[in-house]
Amino acid sequence: MKCGPENDLFPDLWNTSRTDIIFFCSPNNPTGHAASREQLEQLVEFARENGSIIVYDSVRYKRSVLARRK
């Protein structure tokens, strides 16, 4: 699933074929862009509808998102 500036760094889920595993990283590297709550809900809905497993990597969250809140 391509995640580029043309789709707000979030996969175009509705034009993606079924997949068994979705590896999702947010905030992503190297931009530090974090998915919105709405985007994460869409990802979960897609996974439920397709029987996909989400592997979610949020290791950079504390550094990028929480640092911006200070």
N, C-alpha and C. Protein backbone atom coordinates (compact mmCIF):
# COMPACT_ATOMS: atom_id res chain seq x y z
N MET A 1 0.84 -1.18 0.00
CA MET A 1 0.00 0.00 0.00
C MET A 1 0.88 1.24 0.00
N LYS A 2 0.81 1.98 -1.06
CA LYS A 2 1.63 3.18 -1.16
C LYS A 2 1.08 4.30 -0.29
N CYS A 3 1.96 4.92 0.46
CA CYS A 3 1.60 6.06 1.31
C CYS A 3 2.49 7.23 0.93
N GLY A 4 1.98 8.11 0.10
CA GLY A 4 2.76 9.26 -0.34
C GLY A 4 2.00 10.54 -0.14
N PRO A 5 2.63 11.67 -0.47
CA PRO A 5 2.00 12.97 -0.30
C PRO A 5 0.67 13.10 -1.07
N GLU A 6 0.57 12.36 -2.19
CA GLU A 6 -0.64 12.45 -3.00
C GLU A 6 -1.86 11.86 -2.29
N ASN A 7 -1.66 11.04 -1.27
CA ASN A 7 -2.79 10.50 -0.50
C ASN A 7 -2.63 10.77 0.99
N ASP A 8 -2.06 11.92 1.32
CA ASP A 8 -1.91 12.38 2.70
C ASP A 8 -1.15 11.38 3.57
N LEU A 9 -0.17 10.69 2.96
CA LEU A 9 0.69 9.72 3.66
C LEU A 9 -0.11 8.62 4.34
N PHE A 10 -1.25 8.28 3.75
CA PHE A 10 -2.11 7.21 4.27
C PHE A 10 -2.56 6.35 3.09
N PRO A 11 -2.59 5.04 3.24
CA PRO A 11 -2.94 4.18 2.10
C PRO A 11 -4.38 4.40 1.62
N ASP A 12 -4.56 4.26 0.33
CA ASP A 12 -5.89 4.33 -0.28
C ASP A 12 -6.53 2.96 -0.09
N LEU A 13 -7.14 2.76 1.04
CA LEU A 13 -7.62 1.44 1.44
C LEU A 13 -8.70 0.90 0.51
N TRP A 14 -9.55 1.75 0.03
CA TRP A 14 -10.70 1.28 -0.74
C TRP A 14 -10.31 0.89 -2.17
N ASN A 15 -9.10 1.22 -2.59
CA ASN A 15 -8.60 0.78 -3.88
C ASN A 15 -7.46 -0.21 -3.71
N THR A 16 -7.46 -0.89 -2.57
CA THR A 16 -6.43 -1.88 -2.25
C THR A 16 -7.09 -3.25 -2.17
N SER A 17 -6.45 -4.22 -2.76
CA SER A 17 -6.99 -5.57 -2.67
C SER A 17 -6.78 -6.13 -1.27
N ARG A 18 -7.49 -7.20 -0.99
CA ARG A 18 -7.40 -7.84 0.32
C ARG A 18 -5.95 -8.22 0.61
N THR A 19 -5.58 -8.11 1.87
CA THR A 19 -4.24 -8.49 2.30
C THR A 19 -4.34 -9.18 3.65
N ASP A 20 -3.47 -10.14 3.90
CA ASP A 20 -3.52 -10.87 5.17
C ASP A 20 -2.97 -10.06 6.33
N ILE A 21 -1.87 -9.36 6.08
CA ILE A 21 -1.20 -8.60 7.14
C ILE A 21 -0.96 -7.18 6.67
N ILE A 22 -1.27 -6.23 7.55
CA ILE A 22 -0.99 -4.81 7.29
C ILE A 22 0.03 -4.37 8.32
N PHE A 23 1.21 -3.99 7.86
CA PHE A 23 2.22 -3.43 8.76
C PHE A 23 2.08 -1.93 8.66
N PHE A 24 1.68 -1.29 9.76
CA PHE A 24 1.40 0.14 9.74
C PHE A 24 2.26 0.84 10.77
N CYS A 25 2.92 1.89 10.35
CA CYS A 25 3.82 2.65 11.21
C CYS A 25 3.33 4.09 11.30
N SER A 26 3.04 4.55 12.48
CA SER A 26 2.61 5.93 12.67
C SER A 26 3.09 6.40 14.03
N PRO A 27 3.82 7.49 14.08
CA PRO A 27 4.24 8.34 12.99
C PRO A 27 5.20 7.61 12.07
N ASN A 28 5.12 7.97 10.78
CA ASN A 28 5.97 7.27 9.83
C ASN A 28 7.32 7.95 9.67
N ASN A 29 8.21 7.20 9.14
CA ASN A 29 9.57 7.67 8.96
C ASN A 29 9.79 7.89 7.46
N PRO A 30 10.34 8.94 6.99
CA PRO A 30 11.11 9.96 7.69
C PRO A 30 10.32 11.23 8.00
N THR A 31 9.05 11.31 7.59
CA THR A 31 8.32 12.57 7.72
C THR A 31 7.84 12.87 9.12
N GLY A 32 7.59 11.85 9.92
CA GLY A 32 7.04 12.05 11.25
C GLY A 32 5.54 12.30 11.23
N HIS A 33 4.91 12.14 10.05
CA HIS A 33 3.47 12.34 9.93
C HIS A 33 2.74 11.26 10.73
N ALA A 34 1.78 11.67 11.56
CA ALA A 34 1.01 10.72 12.35
C ALA A 34 -0.41 10.61 11.79
N ALA A 35 -0.91 9.39 11.73
CA ALA A 35 -2.27 9.15 11.25
C ALA A 35 -3.27 9.74 12.23
N SER A 36 -4.37 10.25 11.69
CA SER A 36 -5.43 10.80 12.54
C SER A 36 -6.27 9.66 13.11
N ARG A 37 -7.08 9.98 14.09
CA ARG A 37 -7.99 8.99 14.66
C ARG A 37 -8.91 8.43 13.58
N GLU A 38 -9.42 9.31 12.73
CA GLU A 38 -10.31 8.88 11.64
C GLU A 38 -9.59 7.90 10.70
N GLN A 39 -8.35 8.19 10.37
CA GLN A 39 -7.59 7.29 9.50
C GLN A 39 -7.37 5.93 10.16
N LEU A 40 -7.06 5.94 11.45
CA LEU A 40 -6.85 4.68 12.16
C LEU A 40 -8.14 3.87 12.22
N GLU A 41 -9.28 4.55 12.39
CA GLU A 41 -10.56 3.86 12.39
C GLU A 41 -10.84 3.25 11.02
N GLN A 42 -10.48 3.94 9.95
CA GLN A 42 -10.64 3.40 8.60
C GLN A 42 -9.77 2.16 8.42
N LEU A 43 -8.56 2.21 8.93
CA LEU A 43 -7.64 1.08 8.83
C LEU A 43 -8.22 -0.14 9.54
N VAL A 44 -8.76 0.05 10.74
CA VAL A 44 -9.37 -1.04 11.50
C VAL A 44 -10.59 -1.59 10.75
N GLU A 45 -11.42 -0.71 10.21
CA GLU A 45 -12.59 -1.15 9.45
C GLU A 45 -12.18 -2.00 8.25
N PHE A 46 -11.17 -1.53 7.52
CA PHE A 46 -10.65 -2.27 6.37
C PHE A 46 -10.17 -3.65 6.80
N ALA A 47 -9.41 -3.71 7.90
CA ALA A 47 -8.88 -4.98 8.38
C ALA A 47 -10.01 -5.92 8.80
N ARG A 48 -11.01 -5.41 9.48
CA ARG A 48 -12.14 -6.25 9.89
C ARG A 48 -12.88 -6.82 8.68
N GLU A 49 -13.14 -5.98 7.70
CA GLU A 49 -13.88 -6.39 6.51
C GLU A 49 -13.11 -7.42 5.68
N ASN A 50 -11.78 -7.39 5.76
CA ASN A 50 -10.95 -8.26 4.93
C ASN A 50 -10.27 -9.38 5.71
N GLY A 51 -10.52 -9.44 7.00
CA GLY A 51 -9.88 -10.47 7.81
C GLY A 51 -8.38 -10.30 7.92
N SER A 52 -7.93 -9.05 7.86
CA SER A 52 -6.49 -8.74 7.91
C SER A 52 -6.02 -8.56 9.36
N ILE A 53 -4.77 -8.83 9.59
CA ILE A 53 -4.13 -8.58 10.88
C ILE A 53 -3.33 -7.30 10.75
N ILE A 54 -3.46 -6.41 11.72
CA ILE A 54 -2.68 -5.17 11.73
C ILE A 54 -1.50 -5.32 12.68
N VAL A 55 -0.32 -5.08 12.17
CA VAL A 55 0.88 -4.99 12.99
C VAL A 55 1.19 -3.50 13.06
N TYR A 56 1.04 -2.92 14.24
CA TYR A 56 1.13 -1.47 14.39
C TYR A 56 2.41 -1.09 15.11
N ASP A 57 3.22 -0.29 14.45
CA ASP A 57 4.50 0.17 15.00
C ASP A 57 4.35 1.64 15.38
N SER A 58 4.39 1.91 16.66
CA SER A 58 4.25 3.30 17.12
C SER A 58 5.46 3.73 17.94
N VAL A 59 6.60 3.12 17.68
CA VAL A 59 7.79 3.35 18.49
C VAL A 59 8.22 4.83 18.49
N ARG A 60 7.95 5.54 17.41
CA ARG A 60 8.39 6.94 17.34
C ARG A 60 7.36 7.91 17.94
N TYR A 61 6.24 7.43 18.43
CA TYR A 61 5.16 8.29 18.91
C TYR A 61 5.64 9.27 19.98
N LYS A 62 6.30 8.77 20.99
CA LYS A 62 6.74 9.65 22.09
C LYS A 62 7.67 10.74 21.60
N ARG A 63 8.56 10.39 20.70
CA ARG A 63 9.53 11.37 20.21
C ARG A 63 8.89 12.44 19.33
N SER A 64 8.02 12.05 18.43
CA SER A 64 7.53 13.02 17.46
C SER A 64 6.23 13.69 17.86
N VAL A 65 5.24 12.95 18.26
CA VAL A 65 3.93 13.55 18.57
C VAL A 65 3.93 14.21 19.94
N LEU A 66 4.38 13.51 20.96
CA LEU A 66 4.36 14.08 22.29
C LEU A 66 5.32 15.26 22.43
N ALA A 67 6.43 15.23 21.71
CA ALA A 67 7.38 16.33 21.76
C ALA A 67 6.77 17.61 21.19
N ARG A 68 5.92 17.49 20.19
CA ARG A 68 5.27 18.66 19.60
C ARG A 68 4.23 19.28 20.51
N ARG A 69 3.71 18.50 21.44
CA ARG A 69 2.66 19.00 22.36
C ARG A 69 3.23 19.87 23.46
N LYS A 70 4.52 19.79 23.70
CA LYS A 70 5.14 20.56 24.80
C LYS A 70 5.32 22.01 24.41
